[in-house]
Protein backbone atom coordinates (compact mmCIF):
# COMPACT_ATOMS: atom_id res chain seq x y z
CA MET A 1 151.38 187.96 158.37
CA SER A 2 151.88 186.75 154.53
CA GLN A 3 148.91 186.80 152.48
CA GLY A 4 148.60 183.19 151.73
CA ARG A 5 148.58 182.27 155.52
CA LYS A 6 145.02 181.61 157.03
CA LYS A 7 144.12 183.47 160.04
CA SER A 8 144.24 180.81 163.27
CA ASN A 9 142.26 181.33 166.30
CA ARG A 10 145.26 182.49 168.36
CA ASP A 11 145.69 185.36 165.74
CA SER A 12 142.05 186.03 166.62
CA GLU A 13 142.49 186.19 170.43
CA LYS A 14 142.86 189.57 172.06
CA PHE A 15 145.70 190.26 174.75
CA ILE A 16 143.97 191.79 177.64
CA GLU A 17 145.95 191.60 180.91
CA SER A 18 148.94 189.81 182.55
CA ALA A 19 150.11 188.29 185.58
CA VAL A 20 146.32 187.87 186.58
CA SER A 21 145.28 186.02 189.90
CA GLY A 22 142.73 183.04 190.17
CA VAL A 23 141.81 179.84 191.60
CA VAL A 24 141.25 176.67 189.13
CA ASN A 25 137.46 175.68 189.58
CA LEU A 26 137.17 173.03 187.47
CA TYR A 27 139.34 170.53 185.47
CA ASN A 28 138.91 167.58 183.32
CA ASP A 29 141.76 165.49 183.36
CA THR A 30 140.44 163.15 180.34
CA GLY A 31 140.21 166.33 178.37
CA GLY A 32 142.78 168.27 179.30
CA PHE A 33 140.77 171.52 179.99
CA GLY A 34 139.46 173.47 183.02
CA ILE A 35 138.05 176.65 184.25
CA ILE A 36 139.75 179.44 186.41
CA THR A 37 137.56 181.63 188.60
CA GLU A 38 139.26 185.21 188.17
CA ASP A 39 139.67 186.38 192.07
CA ILE A 40 138.82 189.91 191.22
CA THR A 41 136.12 189.97 188.75
CA ARG A 42 134.86 186.53 189.38
CA ARG A 43 134.47 185.37 185.76
CA ASP A 44 135.07 182.24 184.01
CA VAL A 45 138.37 181.77 182.14
CA LEU A 46 139.05 178.50 179.64
CA PHE A 47 142.52 177.17 179.91
CA LEU A 48 143.85 174.22 178.54
CA ILE A 49 146.70 171.88 179.98
CA SER A 50 149.11 172.96 176.93
CA ALA A 51 149.10 176.30 178.57
CA VAL A 52 150.43 175.78 182.21
CA SER A 53 153.99 176.17 182.64
CA LYS A 54 156.34 173.41 182.78
CA ASP A 55 158.01 174.80 185.35
CA SER A 56 154.76 174.39 187.36
CA LEU A 57 153.27 170.89 186.65
CA ARG A 58 153.45 168.18 188.90
CA ARG A 59 154.83 164.66 188.68
CA GLY A 60 150.90 162.97 188.97
CA ASP A 61 148.27 165.78 188.81
CA PRO A 62 149.88 168.55 186.75
CA ILE A 63 146.77 170.81 188.10
CA ARG A 64 143.82 170.49 190.76
CA VAL A 65 141.15 171.92 191.66
CA GLY A 66 141.54 174.66 194.25
CA ASP A 67 145.43 175.57 192.66
CA GLU A 68 146.10 179.32 193.10
CA VAL A 69 147.34 180.43 189.85
CA ILE A 70 148.40 183.61 188.00
CA TYR A 71 148.14 183.66 183.85
CA ASP A 72 147.64 185.85 181.20
CA LEU A 73 144.13 186.96 180.09
CA TYR A 74 142.85 186.74 176.45
CA ARG A 75 139.84 187.31 175.25
CA ALA A 76 139.13 184.63 172.43
CA THR A 77 136.18 184.01 169.74
CA GLU A 78 133.85 182.57 172.85
CA GLY A 79 134.53 184.20 176.37
CA PHE A 80 137.98 184.42 177.83
CA ARG A 81 141.09 182.12 177.77
CA ALA A 82 144.16 181.90 179.47
CA GLU A 83 147.54 181.47 178.78
CA SER A 84 150.95 181.22 180.53
CA VAL A 85 149.52 179.50 183.32
CA GLN A 86 151.51 179.25 186.55
CA ILE A 87 150.78 177.52 189.68
CA PHE A 88 152.00 179.02 193.08
CA SER A 89 150.24 177.23 195.68
CA GLN A 90 151.93 173.86 195.48
CA ASP A 91 153.06 174.05 199.01
CA VAL A 92 149.78 173.60 200.31
CA GLU A 93 149.55 170.29 198.81
CA GLY A 94 150.81 166.67 200.56
CA SER A 95 152.09 163.73 198.98
CA ASP A 96 148.94 162.28 197.74
CA SER A 97 150.37 163.35 194.14
CA ASP A 98 153.04 160.97 193.95
CA ASP A 99 150.43 158.12 194.83
CA THR A 100 149.45 158.55 190.76
CA ASN A 101 152.85 158.03 189.65
CA GLU A 102 152.41 154.02 189.54
CA ASN A 103 150.04 152.20 187.63
CA GLU A 104 147.11 152.10 189.87
CA ASN A 105 146.23 148.70 188.61
CA SER A 106 149.62 146.97 189.54
CA PRO A 107 148.76 144.59 192.83
CA LYS A 108 152.62 145.02 193.92
CA ARG A 109 151.98 148.54 194.51
CA GLU A 110 148.22 148.19 196.08
CA ASN A 111 149.07 145.25 198.39
CA VAL A 112 152.72 147.38 199.87
CA THR A 113 150.39 150.33 200.63
CA THR A 114 147.39 148.49 201.99
CA ASN A 115 149.85 145.97 204.29
CA VAL A 116 151.97 149.20 205.43
CA ASN A 117 148.68 151.27 206.33
CA ALA A 118 147.18 148.60 208.09
CA LYS A 119 150.29 147.36 210.32
CA ASN A 120 150.58 150.86 211.39
CA ASN A 121 146.86 152.00 212.17
CA LYS A 122 146.77 148.90 214.02
CA SER A 123 150.06 149.03 216.02
CA ASP A 124 149.52 153.22 216.54
CA THR A 125 146.17 153.39 217.91
CA GLU A 126 146.99 156.81 219.67
CA GLY A 127 148.29 158.34 216.18
CA LYS A 128 152.07 158.79 217.30
CA ASN A 129 153.37 156.80 214.41
CA PRO A 130 153.83 159.38 211.70
CA ASN A 131 153.32 157.22 209.00
CA THR A 132 149.82 156.49 210.70
CA THR A 133 147.18 157.39 208.61
CA HIS A 134 144.86 159.94 211.01
CA THR A 135 141.18 159.11 210.67
CA LYS A 136 138.12 158.38 213.36
CA SER A 137 138.44 154.69 213.18
CA ASN A 138 142.02 154.89 214.77
CA THR A 139 142.88 158.32 216.32
CA GLY A 140 139.32 159.03 217.75
CA ALA A 141 140.20 162.83 216.56
CA ASN A 142 140.08 164.92 213.65
CA ASN A 143 143.00 165.64 211.44
CA SER A 144 142.77 169.23 211.55
CA ASP A 145 142.45 169.27 215.55
CA THR A 146 145.72 166.95 215.66
CA ASN A 147 147.55 169.58 213.49
CA PRO A 148 146.15 172.78 213.76
CA ASN A 149 148.61 174.19 211.00
CA LEU A 150 148.04 171.76 208.49
CA GLN A 151 146.42 173.25 205.21
CA PRO A 152 143.15 171.55 203.79
CA ASP A 153 143.67 169.49 200.74
CA ARG A 154 141.62 172.17 198.00
CA ARG A 155 141.21 169.39 195.62
CA SER A 156 138.07 167.24 194.87
CA THR A 157 138.13 163.47 196.52
CA MET A 158 139.81 160.86 194.15
CA TYR A 159 137.98 157.53 194.46
CA ASN A 160 140.85 155.00 193.14
CA TYR A 161 139.00 151.73 192.48
CA SER A 162 140.54 148.62 192.38
CA TYR A 163 139.62 145.65 189.90
CA PRO A 164 140.51 142.17 189.42
CA LYS A 165 144.21 141.10 188.18
CA GLY A 166 144.56 141.61 184.27
CA SER A 167 141.49 144.06 183.92
CA ASN A 168 141.90 147.54 182.61
CA ILE A 169 138.79 148.63 182.88
CA PHE A 170 138.58 152.16 184.29
CA SER A 171 142.59 152.57 184.93
CA ALA A 172 142.39 156.47 185.43
CA PRO A 173 140.94 157.40 188.85
CA MET A 174 137.68 159.20 188.80
CA LYS A 175 138.53 162.80 189.66
CA ASN A 176 136.17 165.61 190.98
CA THR A 177 133.47 163.01 192.45
CA SER A 178 131.98 162.89 195.79
CA ARG A 179 129.05 161.65 197.35
CA GLU A 180 126.83 164.39 196.10
CA SER A 181 128.14 164.62 192.77
CA PHE A 182 128.55 161.04 191.70
CA GLY A 183 127.00 160.09 188.74
CA SER A 184 126.32 163.64 187.88
CA GLY A 185 129.41 164.79 186.25
CA VAL A 186 132.29 167.25 187.46
CA ARG A 187 131.08 170.01 189.43
CA LYS A 188 132.57 173.37 190.67
CA GLN A 189 134.87 172.60 193.79
CA GLN A 190 133.45 174.63 197.35
CA MET A 191 136.16 174.62 199.83
CA PRO A 192 136.09 172.85 202.94
CA THR A 193 135.05 173.70 206.13
CA ARG A 194 136.17 172.59 209.68
CA SER A 195 134.06 169.86 211.42
CA SER A 196 133.54 169.97 215.00
CA SER A 197 131.90 166.58 215.33
CA GLY A 198 134.68 164.41 214.37
CA ASP A 199 133.85 162.95 210.80
CA GLY A 200 137.15 161.27 209.94
CA GLY A 201 138.40 163.67 206.94
CA GLY A 202 138.32 166.97 209.00
CA ALA A 203 136.57 168.59 205.96
CA LYS A 204 133.27 168.31 204.01
CA LEU A 205 131.57 169.63 201.04
CA ALA A 206 129.48 172.49 201.49
CA GLY A 207 126.31 173.22 199.54
CA ASP A 208 123.18 170.94 199.07
CA SER A 209 123.67 168.09 196.79
CA LYS A 210 120.56 168.50 194.92
CA GLU A 211 120.33 171.97 194.56
CA ARG A 212 124.14 171.84 192.60
CA THR A 213 122.48 169.20 190.24
CA LYS A 214 119.10 170.04 189.51
CA GLY A 215 118.79 171.88 186.32
CA GLY A 216 122.15 170.96 185.46
CA GLY A 217 120.73 168.39 182.73
CA THR A 218 120.99 164.68 182.27
CA ASN A 219 120.45 161.88 180.24
CA ASP A 220 116.60 160.94 180.89
CA ASP A 221 117.24 156.80 180.51
CA HIS A 222 119.29 156.97 183.75
CA VAL A 223 117.43 159.60 185.72
CA LYS A 224 113.63 159.25 184.95
CA SER A 225 113.69 155.96 183.53
CA THR A 226 116.21 153.23 184.99
CA LYS A 227 117.59 155.48 188.24
CA GLU A 228 120.91 153.71 188.03
CA THR A 229 122.93 156.20 188.86
CA THR A 230 121.51 156.08 192.37
CA ALA A 231 124.15 154.69 195.51
CA ASP A 232 121.84 152.16 196.10
CA GLU A 233 122.80 150.37 193.03
CA LEU A 234 126.45 150.80 192.64
CA PRO A 235 129.01 147.98 193.37
CA ASN A 236 129.61 147.41 197.43
CA TYR A 237 133.15 148.41 196.88
CA ALA A 238 132.02 152.01 195.53
CA LYS A 239 129.61 152.51 198.60
CA GLN A 240 132.62 151.71 200.89
CA GLN A 241 134.89 154.11 199.26
CA ARG A 242 132.82 156.84 199.38
CA LYS A 243 133.52 157.77 202.63
CA GLY A 244 136.32 160.25 201.49
CA THR A 245 138.95 159.05 203.97
CA THR A 246 142.23 158.27 203.10
CA ALA A 247 142.74 155.47 205.69
CA SER A 248 139.31 153.69 204.60
CA LYS A 249 140.40 154.28 200.84
CA GLU A 250 144.00 152.32 201.60
CA SER A 251 142.61 149.73 204.13
CA GLN A 252 139.95 148.37 201.68
CA SER A 253 142.23 148.52 198.34
CA THR A 254 143.07 144.76 199.21
CA GLY A 255 139.57 143.48 199.57
CA SER A 256 138.12 145.66 196.66
CA GLY A 257 139.48 143.59 194.18
CA ASN A 258 137.39 140.56 195.50
CA MET A 259 134.38 142.76 195.96
CA PHE A 260 134.69 143.70 192.49
CA LYS A 261 135.00 140.09 191.64
CA ALA A 262 132.12 139.08 193.39
CA ASP A 263 129.99 141.53 192.14
CA THR A 264 130.59 140.51 188.52
CA GLU A 265 130.34 136.99 188.90
CA LYS A 266 126.89 137.58 190.65
CA ASN A 267 125.48 140.14 188.21
CA PRO A 268 128.17 141.40 185.60
CA SER A 269 126.03 143.32 183.92
CA THR A 270 125.22 145.82 186.58
CA THR A 271 128.77 145.82 187.52
CA LEU A 272 130.18 146.88 184.23
CA SER A 273 127.65 147.98 182.13
CA SER A 274 125.55 150.15 184.54
CA PHE A 275 128.70 151.23 186.25
CA SER A 276 130.00 152.58 182.90
CA ARG A 277 126.58 154.52 182.15
CA ALA A 278 127.44 156.03 185.33
CA ARG A 279 130.52 157.32 184.48
CA GLY A 280 129.03 158.17 181.14
CA ASN A 281 126.09 160.33 182.82
CA ALA A 282 128.69 162.44 184.93
CA PHE A 283 130.06 163.61 181.40
CA PHE A 284 126.69 164.25 179.91
CA ARG A 285 125.97 166.22 182.80
CA LEU A 286 129.13 168.31 182.67
CA ALA A 287 128.92 168.88 178.85
CA ARG A 288 125.02 170.48 179.24
CA GLY A 289 126.26 172.62 182.10
CA GLN A 290 129.15 174.44 180.24
CA ARG A 291 129.03 177.12 178.01
CA PHE A 292 132.00 176.76 175.83
CA ASP A 293 130.87 174.43 172.90
CA MET A 294 134.73 173.14 173.20
CA VAL A 295 134.01 171.92 176.44
CA LYS A 296 130.69 170.49 175.97
CA SER A 297 132.25 168.55 172.57
CA ILE A 298 135.19 166.66 174.58
CA SER A 299 132.49 165.96 177.58
CA TYR A 300 130.06 164.50 175.04
CA LYS A 301 133.01 162.55 173.31
CA SER A 302 133.57 161.13 176.71
CA ALA A 303 130.55 160.33 177.74
CA LEU A 304 130.02 158.87 174.21
CA ALA A 305 133.28 156.35 174.74
CA CYS A 306 131.63 155.34 178.00
CA TYR A 307 128.30 154.21 176.49
CA LYS A 308 129.99 152.13 173.83
CA LYS A 309 131.46 150.43 176.56
CA ALA A 310 128.51 150.27 178.45
CA TYR A 311 127.00 148.35 175.02
CA ASN A 312 129.43 146.29 174.83
CA TRP A 313 129.41 144.93 178.15
CA ALA A 314 125.42 144.31 178.76
CA SER A 315 124.50 141.13 179.10
CA ARG A 316 120.63 141.99 179.77
CA ASP A 317 118.00 143.83 177.37
CA GLU A 318 117.43 146.29 179.98
CA ASP A 319 121.21 147.32 179.82
CA LEU A 320 121.73 147.08 176.27
CA VAL A 321 118.71 149.16 175.56
CA SER A 322 119.80 151.88 178.09
CA ALA A 323 123.68 152.06 176.57
CA ALA A 324 122.08 152.19 173.43
CA GLU A 325 119.68 154.94 173.86
CA ASN A 326 122.46 156.71 175.64
CA ALA A 327 124.58 156.45 172.91
CA ALA A 328 122.17 157.59 170.45
CA THR A 329 121.23 160.88 172.32
CA THR A 330 124.86 161.65 172.82
CA CYS A 331 125.78 161.26 169.09
CA TRP A 332 122.70 163.40 168.40
CA ARG A 333 123.60 165.89 171.04
CA LEU A 334 127.39 166.16 168.89
CA ALA A 335 125.61 166.54 165.70
CA THR A 336 123.76 169.17 166.96
CA LEU A 337 126.50 170.78 168.28
CA LYS A 338 128.54 170.80 165.08
CA MET A 339 125.32 172.30 163.22
CA ALA A 340 125.53 175.69 165.18
CA THR A 341 129.10 176.19 164.15
CA GLU A 342 127.43 176.31 160.50
CA CYS A 343 130.89 175.73 159.01
CA ALA A 344 130.71 173.70 155.62
CA SER A 345 133.76 171.38 156.43
CA TYR A 346 131.55 170.07 159.38
CA GLN A 347 128.91 168.27 157.10
CA LYS A 348 130.49 165.42 157.07
CA VAL A 349 131.00 164.68 160.55
CA ILE A 350 127.20 165.95 161.36
CA HIS A 351 126.48 163.26 159.05
CA GLU A 352 128.29 160.57 160.52
CA TYR A 353 127.05 161.32 163.87
CA PHE A 354 123.42 161.57 162.82
CA LYS A 355 123.99 158.09 160.95
CA ASP A 356 125.55 156.83 164.43
CA ALA A 357 122.75 158.12 166.66
CA LEU A 358 120.08 156.54 164.52
CA GLN A 359 121.94 153.19 164.10
CA TYR A 360 121.68 153.60 168.28
CA PHE A 361 118.52 153.86 168.16
CA GLY A 362 117.61 151.21 165.69
CA LYS A 363 119.23 148.72 168.14
CA ALA A 364 117.32 149.97 171.35
CA TYR A 365 113.91 150.05 169.64
CA PRO A 366 113.33 146.35 168.99
CA LYS A 367 113.86 145.42 172.59
CA ARG A 368 112.30 148.81 174.24
CA ASN A 369 109.56 147.12 175.92
CA CYS A 370 111.86 145.61 178.57
CA LYS A 371 111.99 149.28 180.13
CA GLY A 372 108.37 149.51 180.18
CA GLU A 373 105.79 151.28 178.22
CA LYS A 374 106.87 154.72 179.47
CA TRP A 375 110.42 154.31 178.48
CA ALA A 376 109.25 152.47 175.10
CA LYS A 377 107.26 155.78 174.11
CA HIS A 378 110.11 158.06 175.46
CA LEU A 379 112.50 156.38 172.78
CA GLU A 380 109.70 156.67 169.97
CA LYS A 381 109.30 160.46 170.87
CA SER A 382 113.11 160.86 170.56
CA ILE A 383 113.91 158.82 166.97
CA GLN A 384 111.19 161.23 165.93
CA GLU A 385 112.76 164.46 167.61
CA CYS A 386 115.97 163.55 166.06
CA LEU A 387 114.68 162.95 162.37
CA HIS A 388 113.30 166.57 162.85
CA GLU A 389 116.84 167.51 163.43
CA ILE A 390 118.10 166.10 160.43
CA ARG A 391 115.18 167.14 158.51
CA THR A 392 115.62 170.64 159.87
CA TRP A 393 119.92 170.09 158.69
CA ILE A 394 119.15 168.76 155.29
CA GLU A 395 116.30 171.28 154.27
CA LEU A 396 119.08 173.84 152.69
CA LYS A 397 119.63 170.86 150.16
CA ASP A 398 117.51 170.72 146.83
CA GLU A 399 114.91 168.12 146.90
CA ASP A 400 116.69 165.48 145.52
CA ASP A 401 119.70 165.43 147.43
CA ARG A 402 117.26 165.65 150.52
CA ILE A 403 115.21 162.86 149.81
CA ASP A 404 118.44 160.49 149.07
CA ALA A 405 120.02 161.78 152.34
CA LEU A 406 116.59 160.91 154.46
CA THR A 407 116.44 157.96 152.55
CA GLU A 408 119.81 156.87 153.67
CA TYR A 409 118.86 157.76 157.29
CA LEU A 410 115.74 155.95 157.41
CA GLY A 411 117.47 152.48 156.31
CA TYR A 412 119.14 152.89 159.23
CA LEU A 413 115.82 152.51 161.57
CA PRO A 414 113.87 149.54 162.09
CA SER A 415 109.72 149.61 161.38
CA CYS A 416 108.31 152.10 164.07
CA GLY A 417 106.35 155.00 163.40
CA ALA A 418 109.14 157.72 163.05
CA LYS A 419 110.10 155.79 159.89
CA VAL A 420 106.52 156.12 158.40
CA GLU A 421 106.53 159.44 159.07
CA GLY A 422 109.72 159.91 157.43
CA TYR A 423 108.45 158.15 154.44
CA ILE A 424 105.50 159.88 154.74
CA TYR A 425 107.50 163.07 154.09
CA ILE A 426 109.45 161.93 151.21
CA ALA A 427 106.23 161.00 149.45
CA THR A 428 104.46 164.14 150.08
CA ILE A 429 107.52 165.91 148.48
CA TYR A 430 106.63 163.99 145.42
CA PHE A 431 103.04 164.59 145.68
CA LYS A 432 103.48 168.42 145.83
CA LYS A 433 105.83 168.69 142.49
CA GLY A 434 103.19 166.22 140.73
CA LYS A 435 100.31 168.79 141.77
CA GLU A 436 102.65 171.59 140.70
CA ALA A 437 103.36 169.95 137.38
CA LEU A 438 99.96 169.57 136.47
CA LYS A 439 98.97 173.05 137.23
CA PHE A 440 101.01 173.62 134.24
CA ASP A 441 99.71 171.15 132.09
CA GLU A 442 103.03 169.15 131.83
CA TYR A 443 101.08 165.94 132.38
CA GLU A 444 103.95 163.25 131.74
CA ASN A 445 105.93 164.99 134.44
CA CYS A 446 103.03 164.71 136.96
CA GLN A 447 102.64 161.04 136.34
CA GLU A 448 106.50 160.59 136.85
CA TYR A 449 106.06 162.25 140.32
CA LEU A 450 103.14 160.36 141.29
CA LYS A 451 104.76 157.26 140.38
CA ASP A 452 108.03 158.12 142.55
CA CYS A 453 105.62 158.88 145.19
CA ARG A 454 104.12 155.45 145.59
CA VAL A 455 107.47 153.92 146.32
CA PRO A 456 108.16 155.40 149.77
CA LEU A 457 104.30 155.60 150.69
CA GLY A 458 104.39 151.65 149.52
CA GLU A 459 106.98 151.67 152.51
CA ALA A 460 105.18 153.27 154.69
CA GLU A 461 101.77 151.07 154.11
CA LYS A 462 104.19 147.82 154.77
CA MET A 463 104.65 149.07 158.55
CA CYS A 464 101.59 150.48 159.56
CA ASP A 465 100.16 147.70 161.90
CA ASN A 466 101.89 148.34 164.98
CA VAL A 467 101.63 152.21 164.61
CA ASP A 468 99.78 154.86 165.80
CA SER A 469 96.35 155.32 164.24
CA ILE A 470 96.75 158.96 163.40
CA ILE A 471 99.80 157.90 161.29
CA ARG A 472 97.95 155.08 159.73
CA LEU A 473 95.14 157.88 158.82
CA ASP A 474 97.92 160.11 157.27
CA VAL A 475 98.72 156.78 154.81
CA THR A 476 95.23 155.88 153.86
CA ALA A 477 94.75 160.01 152.85
CA LEU A 478 97.67 160.79 150.89
CA LYS A 479 96.76 157.19 148.85
CA LYS A 480 93.58 158.63 148.21
CA ASN A 481 95.08 161.79 147.07
CA VAL A 482 97.75 159.88 144.73
CA GLU A 483 95.07 157.42 143.52
CA TYR A 484 92.66 160.64 142.53
CA HIS A 485 95.54 162.87 140.88
CA GLY A 486 96.61 159.79 139.01
CA GLY A 487 93.11 159.53 137.61
CA LEU A 488 93.15 163.25 136.75
CA VAL A 489 96.24 162.92 135.22
CA LYS A 490 95.33 159.74 132.83
CA LYS A 491 92.37 162.08 131.80
CA SER A 492 94.18 165.02 130.94
CA ILE A 493 96.66 162.63 129.13
CA ALA A 494 93.80 161.35 126.88
CA ARG A 495 92.54 164.50 126.34
CA ALA A 496 95.86 166.29 125.44
CA ARG A 497 96.60 163.39 123.17
CA ASP A 498 93.30 163.79 121.29
CA ALA A 499 93.71 167.39 120.91
CA GLN A 500 97.52 166.76 119.63
CA ALA A 501 95.70 164.38 116.76
CA ARG A 502 93.18 166.88 116.03
CA GLN A 503 95.65 169.33 115.39
CA GLN A 504 97.54 167.58 113.59
CA ARG A 505 94.71 166.66 110.67
CA GLU A 506 93.81 170.32 110.46
CA LEU A 507 97.59 171.05 109.69
CA ALA A 508 97.27 168.42 107.44
CA GLU A 509 93.87 169.51 105.55
CA ALA A 510 95.36 172.88 105.92
CA LYS A 511 97.98 172.23 103.34
CA GLU A 512 96.20 170.04 101.20
CA LYS A 513 93.54 172.99 100.96
CA GLU A 514 96.58 175.18 99.85
CA ILE A 515 97.89 172.93 97.11
CA ALA A 516 94.42 172.68 96.04
CA MET A 517 93.74 176.24 95.83
CA ASP A 518 96.74 176.66 93.77
CA GLN A 519 95.35 174.10 91.02
CA LEU A 520 92.24 175.69 90.67
CA LYS A 521 92.97 179.00 90.18
CA THR A 522 91.93 179.21 86.47
CA ASP A 523 88.79 177.72 87.52
CA LYS A 524 87.99 180.42 90.01
CA LYS A 525 89.20 183.00 87.41
CA GLN A 526 86.62 181.51 84.69
CA LEU A 527 84.03 181.14 87.44
CA ASP A 528 84.20 184.45 87.95
CA LEU A 529 83.43 185.72 84.66
CA LEU A 530 80.77 183.05 84.17
CA SER A 531 78.56 185.08 87.04
CA LYS A 532 78.00 188.02 85.17
CA LEU A 533 75.81 185.68 82.58
CA SER A 534 72.13 185.38 83.06
CA ILE A 535 70.92 183.06 85.81
CA GLY A 536 69.91 180.27 83.35
CA ASP A 537 73.14 180.64 81.32
CA PHE A 538 75.49 180.83 84.01
CA VAL A 539 73.46 177.68 85.55
CA LYS A 540 73.72 175.63 81.97
CA GLN A 541 77.61 176.74 81.52
CA VAL A 542 78.65 175.50 85.26
CA TYR A 543 76.66 172.04 84.54
CA GLN A 544 78.53 171.80 81.14
CA LEU A 545 82.28 172.61 82.36
CA TRP A 546 82.06 171.03 86.08
CA PRO A 547 78.98 168.50 86.05
CA PRO A 548 77.93 167.38 89.21
CA GLN A 549 79.78 164.34 91.28
CA GLY A 550 77.42 161.96 93.00
CA THR A 551 74.04 162.67 90.86
CA LYS A 552 72.52 161.13 87.82
CA GLU A 553 71.18 164.53 86.67
CA THR A 554 74.02 165.90 85.03
CA GLN A 555 72.11 168.71 82.97
CA PRO A 556 70.19 171.37 84.84
CA SER A 557 66.00 171.37 84.05
CA LEU A 558 65.42 174.67 82.55
CA SER A 559 62.12 175.96 82.08
CA SER A 560 60.96 178.41 79.44
CA SER A 561 59.26 180.55 81.93
CA THR A 562 61.69 183.38 83.88
CA SER A 563 59.74 183.91 86.36
CA SER A 564 61.38 184.22 89.97
CA SER A 565 59.71 181.06 91.25
CA SER A 566 61.05 178.93 88.36
CA LEU A 567 64.74 180.57 88.55
CA LYS A 568 64.44 179.91 92.58
CA LYS A 569 63.53 176.36 91.92
CA LEU A 570 66.49 176.32 89.38
CA LEU A 571 68.83 177.66 91.43
CA VAL A 572 67.99 175.43 94.92
CA ARG A 573 68.08 172.03 92.71
CA ALA A 574 71.68 173.27 91.50
CA ILE A 575 72.84 173.84 94.75
CA ARG A 576 71.92 171.02 96.23
CA HIS A 577 73.91 169.10 93.12
CA TYR A 578 77.03 170.91 93.97
CA HIS A 579 76.95 170.65 97.77
CA PRO A 580 80.12 169.22 99.04
CA ASP A 581 80.39 166.21 100.75
CA LYS A 582 83.62 165.34 102.92
CA ASN A 583 83.19 161.48 103.18
CA VAL A 584 82.88 161.11 98.99
CA HIS A 585 84.59 163.56 97.29
CA ASP A 586 88.40 164.77 97.32
CA ILE A 587 89.56 168.03 98.58
CA LYS A 588 89.87 169.70 95.26
CA TRP A 589 86.49 168.88 94.84
CA GLN A 590 85.27 170.15 97.89
CA LEU A 591 86.66 173.43 97.17
CA LEU A 592 85.54 174.11 93.47
CA SER A 593 81.78 172.65 94.43
CA SER A 594 82.30 175.37 97.54
CA GLU A 595 82.93 177.90 95.11
CA ILE A 596 80.05 177.13 92.86
CA THR A 597 77.62 176.92 95.76
CA LYS A 598 78.87 180.57 96.91
CA CYS A 599 78.14 181.89 93.36
CA LEU A 600 74.74 180.28 93.33
CA ASN A 601 73.92 181.28 96.81
CA LYS A 602 74.50 185.03 95.52
CA ARG A 603 72.30 184.47 92.65
CA HIS A 604 69.70 183.24 95.31
CA ASP A 605 69.92 186.10 97.53
CA ILE A 606 69.29 188.67 94.71
CA ILE A 607 65.90 187.10 93.61
CA LYS A 608 64.83 187.48 97.12
């Protein structure tokens, strides 16, 4: 392998064994994939229709449930995979596969088959005509009783529905569907058992349908709320065709289109939208019961296509909100499935699925009350859980990207409790960032974060009328916290500005003092020389050289007495005259008078 070529999935598969035998246990013709159960180990092996040998393919059905096959076994990244699949049990199948060669919507083919079978059944009540379709209604005996050498058909029953002329709806037959599994997805086929009561088909499916479908997973809207996948709500033609015999299907093919037309005219929403959702439910349940992500993805996409059709065909609010909720849930599941792969290239795909999910939730929410209070609460809970999943997905992004992404997603939703909680989440992010900035005295940054916090908080406050009381309390509490910290920030900013101004003034004064001290160097030296004189002479020289400012006494009141008390009075009077006043004198005189006062105080302390 060249160094530049990427390693493909086929390169990562490990060959185990060739000529392994097994039975096709599940096949989805829409997705082109299936499951083979190995004869010896009974393990499930995934295969694609592209892996089936072209020599083994039939013209109508390429492969069927119950076909015995041999294949090459590989170990894949997840489970096992079959390649070079060959079918060697085709001789047990009848001529039913030829029925799919022509277009099933063709009225010509439908009428010819119906008329011929009806004529043969009517004229040959004893079942001697080889063209007669042997059923309980025309022969009175089972197929297996009249022909003991006939091999049972191991395929699942196929229901070929007829529709009005010109309709392309459900043109492909629904395979792998039975009375028990209708509306619950494709299930594993059980071997037919011989019937002794003459049920008309010669075989019936084994096992209890309730046990098969229990725990298999479903879309809650159809099973728990609407219950529209039951047999009672299916169209009349679908009920009649679920008997499973060839004659019953062919004899009713002519009238089924009229039944469908009558049901459509009576209630088109039930006929189209509900039935399409029933098909979507089958794919949805199939996906939830699979172990392979690829199989799940294909089934979910098939279900989503049915739900979208159901939404477009809905004419009643009940059908519209149900289809929208189903489509939203399926998009949500597809996004979660892509998230599990942890592949960077799927980020855009995940974004689109979450976007579609919220948009469909938004279409269902305004008319939710038509389904009842319980269903409306279920829808609200689903929206909340979907938003929580989105928040988990975007958690690895930085805060700014998280806020931008969540704001975009919230824009797809109408006013609801989940949307209010989303805005509270965004506001809380800004609030926490503001508090963190306040700890480090970054007052302006804190003020900006609180300003950004008020925007989503205001949006949440606008939608608080019809939300839960707990959510309203959260909005009120957060609003009070923002206002309180906003007041703290304003006071802190004012104090910081005052301190900054004071600091600037002190720096300016220090600079002026430095300049003044340079100018007073000569005066200071002269003052130091005068300090060696007696107290009276010192005071006299100071008054002569630097007369005091702001007083009329420019000369000292000297007395002839040299007593300590007289000298103290002289010094105290001089100290009062030379005491600096910042409000009156300039910085130069303040410094000079301060130096003179220091010398006078020293002399006063000596006398004590």
